[in-house]
Protein backbone atom coordinates (compact mmCIF):
# COMPACT_ATOMS: atom_id res chain seq x y z
CA MET A 1 0.00 0.00 0.00
CA LYS A 2 1.49 3.36 -0.96
CA ARG A 3 1.36 6.23 1.51
CA SER A 4 2.80 9.67 1.93
CA LEU A 5 5.70 10.19 4.33
CA PHE A 6 3.32 11.52 6.92
CA ALA A 7 1.10 8.48 6.71
CA ALA A 8 4.10 6.17 6.74
CA PHE A 9 5.48 7.75 9.90
CA ALA A 10 2.06 7.89 11.51
CA ILE A 11 1.48 4.26 10.80
CA LEU A 12 4.97 3.35 11.94
CA ALA A 13 4.63 5.18 15.20
CA ILE A 14 1.12 3.96 16.02
CA GLY A 15 0.79 0.70 14.11
CA GLY A 16 0.58 -0.69 10.59
CA THR A 17 2.87 -0.99 7.59
CA ALA A 18 4.08 1.23 4.78
CA HIS A 19 6.71 1.28 2.05
CA ALA A 20 9.71 3.26 3.24
CA GLY A 21 10.61 4.26 -0.33
CA ASP A 22 7.38 6.23 -0.63
CA MET A 23 8.46 8.44 2.27
CA TRP A 24 11.19 10.07 0.22
CA LYS A 25 8.83 10.93 -2.63
CA THR A 26 6.84 13.21 -0.33
CA ALA A 27 9.15 14.51 2.38
CA ASP A 28 12.49 14.89 0.62
CA THR A 29 11.39 18.15 -0.94
CA ASP A 30 14.84 19.11 -2.21
CA ALA A 31 15.48 15.58 -3.57
CA ASP A 32 18.91 15.32 -1.96
CA GLY A 33 18.31 11.81 -0.64
CA ARG A 34 17.94 12.97 2.98
CA ILE A 35 14.98 14.11 5.03
CA THR A 36 15.99 17.02 7.21
CA ARG A 37 14.26 17.76 10.48
CA ALA A 38 12.60 20.77 8.81
CA GLU A 39 11.32 18.62 5.91
CA TYR A 40 10.06 16.00 8.34
CA ASP A 41 8.33 18.54 10.58
CA ALA A 42 6.69 20.22 7.58
CA SER A 43 5.44 16.87 6.31
CA VAL A 44 4.07 15.86 9.72
CA THR A 45 2.41 19.24 10.22
CA ALA A 46 0.81 19.16 6.77
CA GLY A 47 -0.40 15.64 7.37
CA TRP A 48 -2.01 16.51 10.70
CA THR A 49 -4.81 18.39 8.98
CA LYS A 50 -5.36 15.51 6.59
CA LYS A 51 -5.52 12.96 9.39
CA ASP A 52 -7.82 15.05 11.60
CA ALA A 53 -10.74 14.31 9.29
CA ASN A 54 -13.40 15.93 11.45
CA ALA A 55 -11.19 18.97 12.20
CA ASP A 56 -11.82 18.77 15.95
CA GLY A 57 -8.16 19.28 16.90
CA GLN A 58 -7.94 15.73 18.20
CA LEU A 59 -6.78 12.61 16.42
CA SER A 60 -8.93 9.61 17.23
CA ALA A 61 -7.60 6.09 16.94
CA SER A 62 -9.77 5.51 13.89
CA GLU A 63 -8.44 8.67 12.20
CA ALA A 64 -4.89 7.45 12.90
CA MET A 65 -5.70 3.90 11.80
CA ALA A 66 -4.50 2.69 15.21
CA LYS A 67 -5.82 0.69 18.12
CA ALA A 68 -6.66 2.92 21.07
CA GLY A 69 -5.38 0.23 23.45
CA ASP A 70 -2.03 -0.03 21.65
CA ALA A 71 0.95 0.70 23.92
CA LYS A 72 2.34 3.30 21.51
CA TRP A 73 -1.02 5.06 21.37
CA LYS A 74 -1.31 5.07 25.17
CA ALA A 75 2.24 6.40 25.54
CA ALA A 76 1.51 9.25 23.13
CA ASP A 77 -1.83 10.08 24.78
CA ALA A 78 -0.27 12.08 27.64
CA ASP A 79 -3.56 13.29 29.07
CA GLY A 80 -5.20 9.86 28.77
CA ASN A 81 -8.34 11.10 27.01
CA GLY A 82 -8.23 8.43 24.30
CA SER A 83 -7.26 10.78 21.48
CA LEU A 84 -4.14 12.72 20.54
CA SER A 85 -3.95 16.48 20.47
CA GLN A 86 -1.71 18.04 17.87
CA THR A 87 0.85 18.69 20.61
CA GLU A 88 0.81 15.03 21.69
CA TYR A 89 1.02 13.88 18.10
CA MET A 90 3.93 16.18 17.24
CA ALA A 91 5.79 15.07 20.40
CA MET A 92 5.36 11.45 19.35
CA LYS A 93 6.65 12.22 15.88
CA SER A 94 9.57 14.20 17.26
CA GLY A 95 10.56 11.20 19.37
CA TRP A 96 10.40 8.89 16.36
CA PHE A 97 12.65 11.15 14.30
CA ALA A 98 15.17 11.41 17.14
CA LYS A 99 15.36 7.61 17.39
CA ALA A 100 15.54 7.13 13.62
CA ASP A 101 18.37 9.67 13.26
CA ALA A 102 21.02 7.14 14.26
CA ASN A 103 24.03 9.38 13.63
CA LYS A 104 22.33 12.42 15.22
CA ASP A 105 23.11 14.74 12.30
CA GLY A 106 19.62 16.22 12.20
CA SER A 107 18.51 14.45 9.04
CA LEU A 108 17.53 10.96 7.95
CA SER A 109 19.34 9.09 5.24
CA LYS A 110 17.32 6.56 3.31
CA ALA A 111 19.24 3.82 5.15
CA GLU A 112 18.27 5.29 8.54
CA GLY A 113 14.65 5.58 7.47
CA ASP A 114 14.59 2.05 6.10
CA LEU A 115 16.17 0.68 9.28
CA ALA A 116 13.70 2.54 11.50
CA MET A 117 10.78 1.26 9.44
CA ALA A 118 12.11 -2.32 9.53
CA SER A 119 12.69 -2.28 13.27
CA LYS A 120 9.12 -1.35 14.08
């Protein structure tokens, strides 16, 4: 199943599968083979609106294609209300990027992204 970078990261962080190669098509806006933190953040932010289908400022498990009882979902849901605010969602995504950036250079190589996706 093909997905944008945002969807791929969302699914990775909360549950599901995606093709890592599709991430670069969307997020690597300068086509240099790396996803910078700025590119990643822009992609995640743009995707938030798309995911929040009912525009209520909260991401439900069904909007995120996740299981509300999933450990990753519970960990991201800091206030325990069963949905993710944009702040909670962005914090979760920030954590994923930090873990995926193995060499801590502030950007993801395709190899780092592929490894992070495979180690889900």
